Amino acid sequence: MPADQLSEVFDRVEVRGILTGGFAVRGPWVSRAAITDSLKLIALVCGRARLSTDGIDGPIELEPGDVAVLNGRSWLALEGGRGDGPPREVVPEEDDPSTRLTGADCGTDDVVLGGRVDLNPAGHALLLQALPPVAHVRASAATATNLRGSLERLFDEVAGHRIGSAFAIRQYGQLLLLEVLRAYVEQAPLPPGWLQALTDERLRPALTLMHAEPGRPWRLDELARAAAMSRTSFAERFRTMAGVPPLTYLNRWRMLLAQQALRSGDVRVGSLASELGYASESAFSTAFKREVGTSPLHYRHRVREEQSAP
């Protein structure tokens, strides 16, 4: 994307893919766990497995390189392996995955990596709304050419015990998450929301304007003209793609910028209100409380307390 709003949103919501565990197992196996993370990642490096969770009709077949993102689920079950005999119970543990993957052999083992997606509070609202209960990304799809390579590089770092591996694992975790979302956008219809809007070619010129100058009092006809559409067609398409009208999207984008500014610095609320296009500090505070649920100053105080907590 020339005006890469997706990267900008990721930066604003501080999205991170975090590797939390993994295992390699030979022969029939089963693994069950409760889910405490809002967004859980399950990646099958090699082998085959069946994924079950609440809110879906039946198990999902995972093939090598596949990744599943579980959105707001409460439990998961995985089963796989080849051979006879009762399945071995594999207990997932959130520990250093390298301790459980040393000596893993993709010729004989099923290898599973687990992770989570970390975001700030604003990011949770955005990404949870943008994804279905389970987003299954197939590595075999033409749109996922980089996904399997990213997953294999991550696995190599986890199992390799090389110097600097902790840093590399963090970076590859980030890249894996990006490749998962890129591939998913191309593989499946998205629900209305910011992710679908940001990937819509016809809306891109208008979104570029709103992201570049969020404090400007944009009018609907200006945004429609930028998208080379009539006012009515633009408004209808924007609502279909984003799930909200254009000016509602603009206000939410302003609130996202405001939350980031309040978290990361000591900007005065009055200055922030002016920068984001509000006529007064009072008008900005009212809009912020309506969107976020608390006043700007209370939000800043709460975030500072959370950041300083052990």
C-alpha atoms as a PDB file:
ATOM      1  CA  MET A   1       0.000   0.000   0.000  1.00  0.00           C
ATOM      2  CA  PRO A   2       1.605   3.290  -1.055  1.00  0.00           C
ATOM      3  CA  ALA A   3       0.252   5.149   1.960  1.00  0.00           C
ATOM      4  CA  ASP A   4       0.549   2.039   4.176  1.00  0.00           C
ATOM      5  CA  GLN A   5      -2.228   2.767   6.671  1.00  0.00           C
ATOM      6  CA  LEU A   6      -2.119  -0.842   7.901  1.00  0.00           C
ATOM      7  CA  SER A   7       1.431  -0.389   9.206  1.00  0.00           C
ATOM      8  CA  GLU A   8       0.398   2.920  10.736  1.00  0.00           C
ATOM      9  CA  VAL A   9      -2.512   1.322  12.582  1.00  0.00           C
ATOM     10  CA  PHE A  10      -0.270  -1.508  13.802  1.00  0.00           C
ATOM     11  CA  ASP A  11       2.153   1.060  15.194  1.00  0.00           C
ATOM     12  CA  ARG A  12      -0.640   2.985  16.896  1.00  0.00           C
ATOM     13  CA  VAL A  13      -2.172  -0.068  18.587  1.00  0.00           C
ATOM     14  CA  GLU A  14       1.286  -1.461  19.444  1.00  0.00           C
ATOM     15  CA  VAL A  15       0.523  -4.899  18.010  1.00  0.00           C
ATOM     16  CA  ARG A  16       2.992  -7.676  18.806  1.00  0.00           C
ATOM     17  CA  GLY A  17       3.062 -11.384  18.045  1.00  0.00           C
ATOM     18  CA  ILE A  18       4.443 -13.181  21.113  1.00  0.00           C
ATOM     19  CA  LEU A  19       5.621 -16.794  21.072  1.00  0.00           C
ATOM     20  CA  THR A  20       4.545 -18.432  24.335  1.00  0.00           C
ATOM     21  CA  GLY A  21       5.185 -22.161  23.928  1.00  0.00           C
ATOM     22  CA  GLY A  22       5.352 -25.183  21.698  1.00  0.00           C
ATOM     23  CA  PHE A  23       5.940 -28.895  21.564  1.00  0.00           C
ATOM     24  CA  ALA A  24       7.119 -31.715  19.311  1.00  0.00           C
ATOM     25  CA  VAL A  25       5.478 -35.112  19.677  1.00  0.00           C
ATOM     26  CA  ARG A  26       5.738 -38.469  17.922  1.00  0.00           C
ATOM     27  CA  GLY A  27       2.804 -40.859  17.597  1.00  0.00           C
ATOM     28  CA  PRO A  28      -0.877 -40.218  18.430  1.00  0.00           C
ATOM     29  CA  TRP A  29      -1.392 -37.260  20.755  1.00  0.00           C
ATOM     30  CA  VAL A  30      -3.991 -34.878  22.128  1.00  0.00           C
ATOM     31  CA  SER A  31      -3.656 -31.511  23.866  1.00  0.00           C
ATOM     32  CA  ARG A  32      -6.334 -29.490  25.628  1.00  0.00           C
ATOM     33  CA  ALA A  33      -6.190 -26.117  27.331  1.00  0.00           C
ATOM     34  CA  ALA A  34      -8.231 -23.195  28.546  1.00  0.00           C
ATOM     35  CA  ILE A  35      -7.595 -19.938  26.689  1.00  0.00           C
ATOM     36  CA  THR A  36      -6.920 -16.802  28.701  1.00  0.00           C
ATOM     37  CA  ASP A  37      -5.668 -14.596  25.835  1.00  0.00           C
ATOM     38  CA  SER A  38      -8.080 -12.595  23.708  1.00  0.00           C
ATOM     39  CA  LEU A  39      -6.182 -13.537  20.544  1.00  0.00           C
ATOM     40  CA  LYS A  40      -4.437 -16.906  20.535  1.00  0.00           C
ATOM     41  CA  LEU A  41      -2.141 -18.178  17.758  1.00  0.00           C
ATOM     42  CA  ILE A  42      -1.707 -21.854  16.917  1.00  0.00           C
ATOM     43  CA  ALA A  43       0.852 -22.673  14.203  1.00  0.00           C
ATOM     44  CA  LEU A  44       1.510 -26.156  12.841  1.00  0.00           C
ATOM     45  CA  VAL A  45       5.150 -26.284  11.718  1.00  0.00           C
ATOM     46  CA  CYS A  46       4.985 -29.873  10.488  1.00  0.00           C
ATOM     47  CA  GLY A  47       2.668 -32.866  10.694  1.00  0.00           C
ATOM     48  CA  ARG A  48      -1.106 -32.729  10.718  1.00  0.00           C
ATOM     49  CA  ALA A  49      -3.599 -31.860  13.432  1.00  0.00           C
ATOM     50  CA  ARG A  50      -7.264 -31.196  14.086  1.00  0.00           C
ATOM     51  CA  LEU A  51      -8.243 -28.066  15.997  1.00  0.00           C
ATOM     52  CA  SER A  52     -11.469 -27.782  17.970  1.00  0.00           C
ATOM     53  CA  THR A  53     -12.724 -24.814  19.978  1.00  0.00           C
ATOM     54  CA  ASP A  54     -15.971 -23.260  21.149  1.00  0.00           C
ATOM     55  CA  GLY A  55     -18.103 -21.424  18.627  1.00  0.00           C
ATOM     56  CA  ILE A  56     -17.314 -23.509  15.513  1.00  0.00           C
ATOM     57  CA  ASP A  57     -19.312 -26.341  13.926  1.00  0.00           C
ATOM     58  CA  GLY A  58     -16.565 -28.953  13.774  1.00  0.00           C
ATOM     59  CA  PRO A  59     -12.799 -29.570  13.890  1.00  0.00           C
ATOM     60  CA  ILE A  60     -10.496 -27.634  11.553  1.00  0.00           C
ATOM     61  CA  GLU A  61      -7.871 -29.683   9.730  1.00  0.00           C
ATOM     62  CA  LEU A  62      -4.445 -28.073  10.016  1.00  0.00           C
ATOM     63  CA  GLU A  63      -1.718 -28.856   7.486  1.00  0.00           C
ATOM     64  CA  PRO A  64       2.004 -27.989   7.624  1.00  0.00           C
ATOM     65  CA  GLY A  65       2.492 -24.228   7.742  1.00  0.00           C
ATOM     66  CA  ASP A  66      -1.121 -23.472   8.667  1.00  0.00           C
ATOM     67  CA  VAL A  67      -1.883 -20.915  11.369  1.00  0.00           C
ATOM     68  CA  ALA A  68      -5.131 -20.404  13.266  1.00  0.00           C
ATOM     69  CA  VAL A  69      -5.987 -17.214  15.154  1.00  0.00           C
ATOM     70  CA  LEU A  70      -8.556 -17.835  17.894  1.00  0.00           C
ATOM     71  CA  ASN A  71     -10.527 -14.704  18.696  1.00  0.00           C
ATOM     72  CA  GLY A  72     -12.260 -14.529  22.070  1.00  0.00           C
ATOM     73  CA  ARG A  73     -12.432 -18.328  22.510  1.00  0.00           C
ATOM     74  CA  SER A  74     -12.421 -20.008  25.925  1.00  0.00           C
ATOM     75  CA  TRP A  75     -10.841 -23.412  25.186  1.00  0.00           C
ATOM     76  CA  LEU A  76      -9.021 -25.346  22.514  1.00  0.00           C
ATOM     77  CA  ALA A  77      -8.259 -28.968  21.761  1.00  0.00           C
ATOM     78  CA  LEU A  78      -5.678 -30.317  19.320  1.00  0.00           C
ATOM     79  CA  GLU A  79      -5.192 -33.898  18.258  1.00  0.00           C
ATOM     80  CA  GLY A  80      -2.889 -35.486  15.743  1.00  0.00           C
ATOM     81  CA  GLY A  81      -0.128 -37.996  15.211  1.00  0.00           C
ATOM     82  CA  ARG A  82       0.361 -41.175  13.272  1.00  0.00           C
ATOM     83  CA  GLY A  83       0.385 -44.779  14.430  1.00  0.00           C
ATOM     84  CA  ASP A  84      -1.611 -47.066  16.686  1.00  0.00           C
ATOM     85  CA  GLY A  85      -2.226 -46.957  20.380  1.00  0.00           C
ATOM     86  CA  PRO A  86      -3.898 -44.528  22.744  1.00  0.00           C
ATOM     87  CA  PRO A  87      -3.066 -40.850  22.221  1.00  0.00           C
ATOM     88  CA  ARG A  88      -0.464 -39.303  24.469  1.00  0.00           C
ATOM     89  CA  GLU A  89      -1.698 -36.329  26.505  1.00  0.00           C
ATOM     90  CA  VAL A  90       0.463 -33.287  25.817  1.00  0.00           C
ATOM     91  CA  VAL A  91       0.096 -30.577  28.449  1.00  0.00           C
ATOM     92  CA  PRO A  92       0.692 -27.114  26.917  1.00  0.00           C
ATOM     93  CA  GLU A  93       2.934 -24.993  29.095  1.00  0.00           C
ATOM     94  CA  GLU A  94       3.847 -21.351  28.653  1.00  0.00           C
ATOM     95  CA  ASP A  95       7.600 -21.705  29.003  1.00  0.00           C
ATOM     96  CA  ASP A  96      10.716 -21.395  26.889  1.00  0.00           C
ATOM     97  CA  PRO A  97       9.610 -23.408  23.824  1.00  0.00           C
ATOM     98  CA  SER A  98      13.193 -24.273  22.933  1.00  0.00           C
ATOM     99  CA  THR A  99      13.303 -26.617  25.945  1.00  0.00           C
ATOM    100  CA  ARG A 100      10.520 -28.705  24.398  1.00  0.00           C
ATOM    101  CA  LEU A 101      11.612 -28.524  20.756  1.00  0.00           C
ATOM    102  CA  THR A 102      15.256 -29.565  20.992  1.00  0.00           C
ATOM    103  CA  GLY A 103      15.780 -32.514  18.680  1.00  0.00           C
ATOM    104  CA  ALA A 104      12.435 -32.125  16.928  1.00  0.00           C
ATOM    105  CA  ASP A 105      12.385 -33.915  13.568  1.00  0.00           C
ATOM    106  CA  CYS A 106       9.807 -32.846  11.004  1.00  0.00           C
ATOM    107  CA  GLY A 107      10.242 -36.183   9.290  1.00  0.00           C
ATOM    108  CA  THR A 108       8.603 -38.018  12.184  1.00  0.00           C
ATOM    109  CA  ASP A 109       7.183 -35.427  14.610  1.00  0.00           C
ATOM    110  CA  ASP A 110       4.201 -33.135  14.747  1.00  0.00           C
ATOM    111  CA  VAL A 111       5.515 -29.720  15.787  1.00  0.00           C
ATOM    112  CA  VAL A 112       3.165 -27.058  17.167  1.00  0.00           C
ATOM    113  CA  LEU A 113       3.957 -23.481  18.211  1.00  0.00           C
ATOM    114  CA  GLY A 114       1.623 -21.409  20.362  1.00  0.00           C
ATOM    115  CA  GLY A 115       1.492 -17.676  20.844  1.00  0.00           C
ATOM    116  CA  ARG A 116      -0.667 -14.691  21.523  1.00  0.00           C
ATOM    117  CA  VAL A 117      -1.271 -11.256  20.049  1.00  0.00           C
ATOM    118  CA  ASP A 118      -0.531  -8.377  22.404  1.00  0.00           C
ATOM    119  CA  LEU A 119      -2.149  -4.996  21.770  1.00  0.00           C
ATOM    120  CA  ASN A 120      -2.976  -1.897  23.734  1.00  0.00           C
ATOM    121  CA  PRO A 121      -6.642  -1.467  24.798  1.00  0.00           C
ATOM    122  CA  ALA A 122      -7.564   0.426  21.635  1.00  0.00           C
ATOM    123  CA  GLY A 123      -5.995  -2.313  19.543  1.00  0.00           C
ATOM    124  CA  HIS A 124      -8.047  -5.004  21.222  1.00  0.00           C
ATOM    125  CA  ALA A 125     -11.246  -3.303  20.163  1.00  0.00           C
ATOM    126  CA  LEU A 126     -10.006  -2.961  16.577  1.00  0.00           C
ATOM    127  CA  LEU A 127      -8.536  -6.394  15.935  1.00  0.00           C
ATOM    128  CA  LEU A 128     -11.122  -8.436  17.831  1.00  0.00           C
ATOM    129  CA  GLN A 129     -13.821  -6.748  15.782  1.00  0.00           C
ATOM    130  CA  ALA A 130     -11.940  -7.339  12.524  1.00  0.00           C
ATOM    131  CA  LEU A 131     -11.492 -11.119  12.845  1.00  0.00           C
ATOM    132  CA  PRO A 132     -13.949 -14.042  13.054  1.00  0.00           C
ATOM    133  CA  PRO A 133     -13.988 -16.484  15.999  1.00  0.00           C
ATOM    134  CA  VAL A 134     -11.349 -18.594  14.227  1.00  0.00           C
ATOM    135  CA  ALA A 135      -9.261 -17.249  11.340  1.00  0.00           C
ATOM    136  CA  HIS A 136      -7.701 -20.265   9.604  1.00  0.00           C
ATOM    137  CA  VAL A 137      -4.847 -19.283   7.310  1.00  0.00           C
ATOM    138  CA  ARG A 138      -3.769 -22.009   4.882  1.00  0.00           C
ATOM    139  CA  ALA A 139      -0.089 -22.097   3.979  1.00  0.00           C
ATOM    140  CA  SER A 140      -0.965 -23.944   0.760  1.00  0.00           C
ATOM    141  CA  ALA A 141      -2.903 -20.967  -0.620  1.00  0.00           C
ATOM    142  CA  ALA A 142      -1.328 -18.893  -3.377  1.00  0.00           C
ATOM    143  CA  THR A 143      -1.662 -15.791  -1.184  1.00  0.00           C
ATOM    144  CA  ALA A 144       0.439 -17.324   1.628  1.00  0.00           C
ATOM    145  CA  THR A 145       3.741 -17.713  -0.203  1.00  0.00           C
ATOM    146  CA  ASN A 146       5.724 -16.064   2.608  1.00  0.00           C
ATOM    147  CA  LEU A 147       3.816 -17.532   5.549  1.00  0.00           C
ATOM    148  CA  ARG A 148       5.427 -20.963   5.658  1.00  0.00           C
ATOM    149  CA  GLY A 149       8.908 -19.491   5.241  1.00  0.00           C
ATOM    150  CA  SER A 150       8.303 -17.106   8.174  1.00  0.00           C
ATOM    151  CA  LEU A 151       7.070 -19.985  10.316  1.00  0.00           C
ATOM    152  CA  GLU A 152      10.051 -22.194   9.429  1.00  0.00           C
ATOM    153  CA  ARG A 153      12.523 -19.406  10.240  1.00  0.00           C
ATOM    154  CA  LEU A 154      10.812 -18.875  13.589  1.00  0.00           C
ATOM    155  CA  PHE A 155      11.009 -22.598  14.342  1.00  0.00           C
ATOM    156  CA  ASP A 156      14.697 -22.712  13.360  1.00  0.00           C
ATOM    157  CA  GLU A 157      15.455 -19.937  15.836  1.00  0.00           C
ATOM    158  CA  VAL A 158      13.423 -21.566  18.597  1.00  0.00           C
ATOM    159  CA  ALA A 159      15.103 -24.954  18.188  1.00  0.00           C
ATOM    160  CA  GLY A 160      18.570 -23.696  17.246  1.00  0.00           C
ATOM    161  CA  HIS A 161      19.779 -22.205  20.552  1.00  0.00           C
ATOM    162  CA  ARG A 162      21.975 -19.739  18.644  1.00  0.00           C
ATOM    163  CA  ILE A 163      23.359 -16.536  20.071  1.00  0.00           C
ATOM    164  CA  GLY A 164      20.790 -13.733  19.783  1.00  0.00           C
ATOM    165  CA  SER A 165      17.916 -16.179  19.370  1.00  0.00           C
ATOM    166  CA  ALA A 166      15.641 -14.387  21.862  1.00  0.00           C
ATOM    167  CA  PHE A 167      15.858 -11.186  19.820  1.00  0.00           C
ATOM    168  CA  ALA A 168      15.340 -13.081  16.556  1.00  0.00           C
ATOM    169  CA  ILE A 169      12.299 -14.920  17.952  1.00  0.00           C
ATOM    170  CA  ARG A 170      10.660 -11.605  18.859  1.00  0.00           C
ATOM    171  CA  GLN A 171      11.250 -10.249  15.350  1.00  0.00           C
ATOM    172  CA  TYR A 172      10.086 -13.392  13.573  1.00  0.00           C
ATOM    173  CA  GLY A 173       7.025 -13.478  15.818  1.00  0.00           C
ATOM    174  CA  GLN A 174       6.144 -10.018  14.556  1.00  0.00           C
ATOM    175  CA  LEU A 175       6.700 -10.978  10.927  1.00  0.00           C
ATOM    176  CA  LEU A 176       4.680 -14.168  11.320  1.00  0.00           C
ATOM    177  CA  LEU A 177       1.706 -12.194  12.634  1.00  0.00           C
ATOM    178  CA  LEU A 178       1.957  -9.771   9.713  1.00  0.00           C
ATOM    179  CA  GLU A 179       2.107 -12.622   7.186  1.00  0.00           C
ATOM    180  CA  VAL A 180      -0.881 -14.296   8.858  1.00  0.00           C
ATOM    181  CA  LEU A 181      -3.000 -11.156   8.535  1.00  0.00           C
ATOM    182  CA  ARG A 182      -1.814 -10.471   4.989  1.00  0.00           C
ATOM    183  CA  ALA A 183      -2.709 -13.994   3.915  1.00  0.00           C
ATOM    184  CA  TYR A 184      -6.033 -13.997   5.743  1.00  0.00           C
ATOM    185  CA  VAL A 185      -7.138 -10.770   4.080  1.00  0.00           C
ATOM    186  CA  GLU A 186      -6.654 -12.480   0.698  1.00  0.00           C
ATOM    187  CA  GLN A 187      -8.092 -15.874   1.643  1.00  0.00           C
ATOM    188  CA  ALA A 188     -11.382 -15.109   3.341  1.00  0.00           C
ATOM    189  CA  PRO A 189     -14.134 -12.493   3.315  1.00  0.00           C
ATOM    190  CA  LEU A 190     -13.644 -10.022   6.120  1.00  0.00           C
ATOM    191  CA  PRO A 191     -16.400  -8.728   8.377  1.00  0.00           C
ATOM    192  CA  PRO A 192     -17.097  -4.988   8.057  1.00  0.00           C
ATOM    193  CA  GLY A 193     -14.475  -3.039   9.988  1.00  0.00           C
ATOM    194  CA  TRP A 194     -11.223  -1.125   9.833  1.00  0.00           C
ATOM    195  CA  LEU A 195      -9.240  -4.044   8.369  1.00  0.00           C
ATOM    196  CA  GLN A 196     -11.608  -4.438   5.437  1.00  0.00           C
ATOM    197  CA  ALA A 197     -11.706  -0.673   4.882  1.00  0.00           C
ATOM    198  CA  LEU A 198      -7.906  -0.363   4.872  1.00  0.00           C
ATOM    199  CA  THR A 199      -7.598  -3.043   2.198  1.00  0.00           C
ATOM    200  CA  ASP A 200     -10.224  -1.533  -0.103  1.00  0.00           C
ATOM    201  CA  GLU A 201      -8.589   0.075  -3.150  1.00  0.00           C
ATOM    202  CA  ARG A 202     -11.444   2.492  -3.868  1.00  0.00           C
ATOM    203  CA  LEU A 203     -11.508   3.908  -0.343  1.00  0.00           C
ATOM    204  CA  ARG A 204      -7.738   4.248  -0.051  1.00  0.00           C
ATOM    205  CA  PRO A 205      -7.455   7.874  -1.294  1.00  0.00           C
ATOM    206  CA  ALA A 206     -10.022   9.085   1.241  1.00  0.00           C
ATOM    207  CA  LEU A 207      -8.467   7.089   4.064  1.00  0.00           C
ATOM    208  CA  THR A 208      -5.066   8.501   3.164  1.00  0.00           C
ATOM    209  CA  LEU A 209      -6.428  12.029   3.599  1.00  0.00           C
ATOM    210  CA  MET A 210      -8.057  11.272   6.952  1.00  0.00           C
ATOM    211  CA  HIS A 211      -4.936   9.577   8.295  1.00  0.00           C
ATOM    212  CA  ALA A 212      -2.612  12.307   7.024  1.00  0.00           C
ATOM    213  CA  GLU A 213      -4.637  15.240   8.404  1.00  0.00           C
ATOM    214  CA  PRO A 214      -6.912  13.938  11.173  1.00  0.00           C
ATOM    215  CA  GLY A 215      -7.441  17.424  12.614  1.00  0.00           C
ATOM    216  CA  ARG A 216      -8.889  18.872   9.429  1.00  0.00           C
ATOM    217  CA  PRO A 217     -12.693  19.303   9.378  1.00  0.00           C
ATOM    218  CA  TRP A 218     -13.226  16.906   6.486  1.00  0.00           C
ATOM    219  CA  ARG A 219     -16.538  17.085   4.664  1.00  0.00           C
ATOM    220  CA  LEU A 220     -18.183  14.085   3.088  1.00  0.00           C
ATOM    221  CA  ASP A 221     -18.097  15.608  -0.396  1.00  0.00           C
ATOM    222  CA  GLU A 222     -14.302  16.230  -0.140  1.00  0.00           C
ATOM    223  CA  LEU A 223     -13.652  12.601   0.795  1.00  0.00           C
ATOM    224  CA  ALA A 224     -15.989  11.332  -1.924  1.00  0.00           C
ATOM    225  CA  ARG A 225     -14.239  13.473  -4.510  1.00  0.00           C
ATOM    226  CA  ALA A 226     -10.854  12.070  -3.452  1.00  0.00           C
ATOM    227  CA  ALA A 227     -12.210   8.560  -4.004  1.00  0.00           C
ATOM    228  CA  ALA A 228     -13.663   9.591  -7.404  1.00  0.00           C
ATOM    229  CA  MET A 229     -17.164   8.633  -6.297  1.00  0.00           C
ATOM    230  CA  SER A 230     -20.451  10.369  -5.787  1.00  0.00           C
ATOM    231  CA  ARG A 231     -21.252  11.425  -2.249  1.00  0.00           C
ATOM    232  CA  THR A 232     -23.998   8.785  -1.935  1.00  0.00           C
ATOM    233  CA  SER A 233     -21.955   5.936  -3.450  1.00  0.00           C
ATOM    234  CA  PHE A 234     -18.963   6.802  -1.296  1.00  0.00           C
ATOM    235  CA  ALA A 235     -20.997   6.909   1.918  1.00  0.00           C
ATOM    236  CA  GLU A 236     -22.666   3.582   1.115  1.00  0.00           C
ATOM    237  CA  ARG A 237     -19.419   1.828   0.207  1.00  0.00           C
ATOM    238  CA  PHE A 238     -17.603   3.197   3.246  1.00  0.00           C
ATOM    239  CA  ARG A 239     -20.331   1.993   5.600  1.00  0.00           C
ATOM    240  CA  THR A 240     -20.348  -1.429   3.915  1.00  0.00           C
ATOM    241  CA  MET A 241     -16.582  -1.821   4.194  1.00  0.00           C
ATOM    242  CA  ALA A 242     -15.890  -0.135   7.530  1.00  0.00           C
ATOM    243  CA  GLY A 243     -19.155  -0.839   9.317  1.00  0.00           C
ATOM    244  CA  VAL A 244     -19.504   2.860  10.206  1.00  0.00           C
ATOM    245  CA  PRO A 245     -19.965   6.138   8.272  1.00  0.00           C
ATOM    246  CA  PRO A 246     -16.818   8.007   7.135  1.00  0.00           C
ATOM    247  CA  LEU A 247     -16.976  10.743   9.748  1.00  0.00           C
ATOM    248  CA  THR A 248     -17.527   8.199  12.523  1.00  0.00           C
ATOM    249  CA  TYR A 249     -14.400   6.411  11.323  1.00  0.00           C
ATOM    250  CA  LEU A 250     -12.544   9.734  11.371  1.00  0.00           C
ATOM    251  CA  ASN A 251     -13.619  10.383  14.954  1.00  0.00           C
ATOM    252  CA  ARG A 252     -12.499   6.915  16.030  1.00  0.00           C
ATOM    253  CA  TRP A 253      -9.159   7.437  14.328  1.00  0.00           C
ATOM    254  CA  ARG A 254      -8.754  10.701  16.237  1.00  0.00           C
ATOM    255  CA  MET A 255      -9.535   8.876  19.495  1.00  0.00           C
ATOM    256  CA  LEU A 256      -6.934   6.225  18.675  1.00  0.00           C
ATOM    257  CA  LEU A 257      -4.333   8.945  18.138  1.00  0.00           C
ATOM    258  CA  ALA A 258      -5.412  10.626  21.369  1.00  0.00           C
ATOM    259  CA  GLN A 259      -5.033   7.435  23.380  1.00  0.00           C
ATOM    260  CA  GLN A 260      -1.544   6.877  22.042  1.00  0.00           C
ATOM    261  CA  ALA A 261      -0.531  10.462  22.819  1.00  0.00           C
ATOM    262  CA  LEU A 262      -1.899  10.238  26.364  1.00  0.00           C
ATOM    263  CA  ARG A 263      -0.108   6.929  26.976  1.00  0.00           C
ATOM    264  CA  SER A 264       3.270   7.917  25.649  1.00  0.00           C
ATOM    265  CA  GLY A 265       3.800  11.556  26.615  1.00  0.00           C
ATOM    266  CA  ASP A 266       2.848  14.566  28.708  1.00  0.00           C
ATOM    267  CA  VAL A 267       0.956  16.448  26.015  1.00  0.00           C
ATOM    268  CA  ARG A 268      -1.570  18.943  27.372  1.00  0.00           C
ATOM    269  CA  VAL A 269      -5.184  17.963  26.784  1.00  0.00           C
ATOM    270  CA  GLY A 270      -5.966  21.399  25.324  1.00  0.00           C
ATOM    271  CA  SER A 271      -3.122  21.128  22.809  1.00  0.00           C
ATOM    272  CA  LEU A 272      -4.205  17.624  21.848  1.00  0.00           C
ATOM    273  CA  ALA A 273      -7.783  18.799  21.343  1.00  0.00           C
ATOM    274  CA  SER A 274      -6.645  21.546  18.990  1.00  0.00           C
ATOM    275  CA  GLU A 275      -4.309  19.219  17.080  1.00  0.00           C
ATOM    276  CA  LEU A 276      -7.126  16.750  16.469  1.00  0.00           C
ATOM    277  CA  GLY A 277      -9.569  19.365  15.230  1.00  0.00           C
ATOM    278  CA  TYR A 278     -11.802  19.995  18.242  1.00  0.00           C
ATOM    279  CA  ALA A 279     -13.023  23.516  18.908  1.00  0.00           C
ATOM    280  CA  SER A 280     -12.383  23.286  22.646  1.00  0.00           C
ATOM    281  CA  GLU A 281     -10.878  21.084  25.306  1.00  0.00           C
ATOM    282  CA  SER A 282     -14.385  20.463  26.626  1.00  0.00           C
ATOM    283  CA  ALA A 283     -15.623  19.209  23.238  1.00  0.00           C
ATOM    284  CA  PHE A 284     -12.639  16.897  22.947  1.00  0.00           C
ATOM    285  CA  SER A 285     -13.064  15.544  26.481  1.00  0.00           C
ATOM    286  CA  THR A 286     -16.747  14.843  25.829  1.00  0.00           C
ATOM    287  CA  ALA A 287     -15.934  12.981  22.596  1.00  0.00           C
ATOM    288  CA  PHE A 288     -13.120  11.053  24.290  1.00  0.00           C
ATOM    289  CA  LYS A 289     -15.291   9.965  27.206  1.00  0.00           C
ATOM    290  CA  ARG A 290     -18.073   8.893  24.844  1.00  0.00           C
ATOM    291  CA  GLU A 291     -15.658   6.715  22.842  1.00  0.00           C
ATOM    292  CA  VAL A 292     -13.264   5.431  25.530  1.00  0.00           C
ATOM    293  CA  GLY A 293     -15.491   5.507  28.615  1.00  0.00           C
ATOM    294  CA  THR A 294     -13.399   7.847  30.744  1.00  0.00           C
ATOM    295  CA  SER A 295     -11.973  11.364  30.592  1.00  0.00           C
ATOM    296  CA  PRO A 296      -8.557  11.998  28.988  1.00  0.00           C
ATOM    297  CA  LEU A 297      -6.913  12.794  32.336  1.00  0.00           C
ATOM    298  CA  HIS A 298      -8.364   9.730  34.037  1.00  0.00           C
ATOM    299  CA  TYR A 299      -7.271   7.614  31.089  1.00  0.00           C
ATOM    300  CA  ARG A 300      -3.705   8.911  31.347  1.00  0.00           C
ATOM    301  CA  HIS A 301      -3.640   8.344  35.110  1.00  0.00           C
ATOM    302  CA  ARG A 302      -4.954   4.779  34.752  1.00  0.00           C
ATOM    303  CA  VAL A 303      -2.436   3.906  32.046  1.00  0.00           C
ATOM    304  CA  ARG A 304       0.453   5.319  34.080  1.00  0.00           C
ATOM    305  CA  GLU A 305      -0.606   3.206  37.061  1.00  0.00           C
ATOM    306  CA  GLU A 306      -0.781   0.088  34.880  1.00  0.00           C
ATOM    307  CA  GLN A 307       2.626   0.793  33.370  1.00  0.00           C
ATOM    308  CA  SER A 308       4.238   1.280  36.780  1.00  0.00           C
ATOM    309  CA  ALA A 309       2.687  -1.828  38.323  1.00  0.00           C
ATOM    310  CA  PRO A 310       5.077  -4.774  38.780  1.00  0.00           C
END
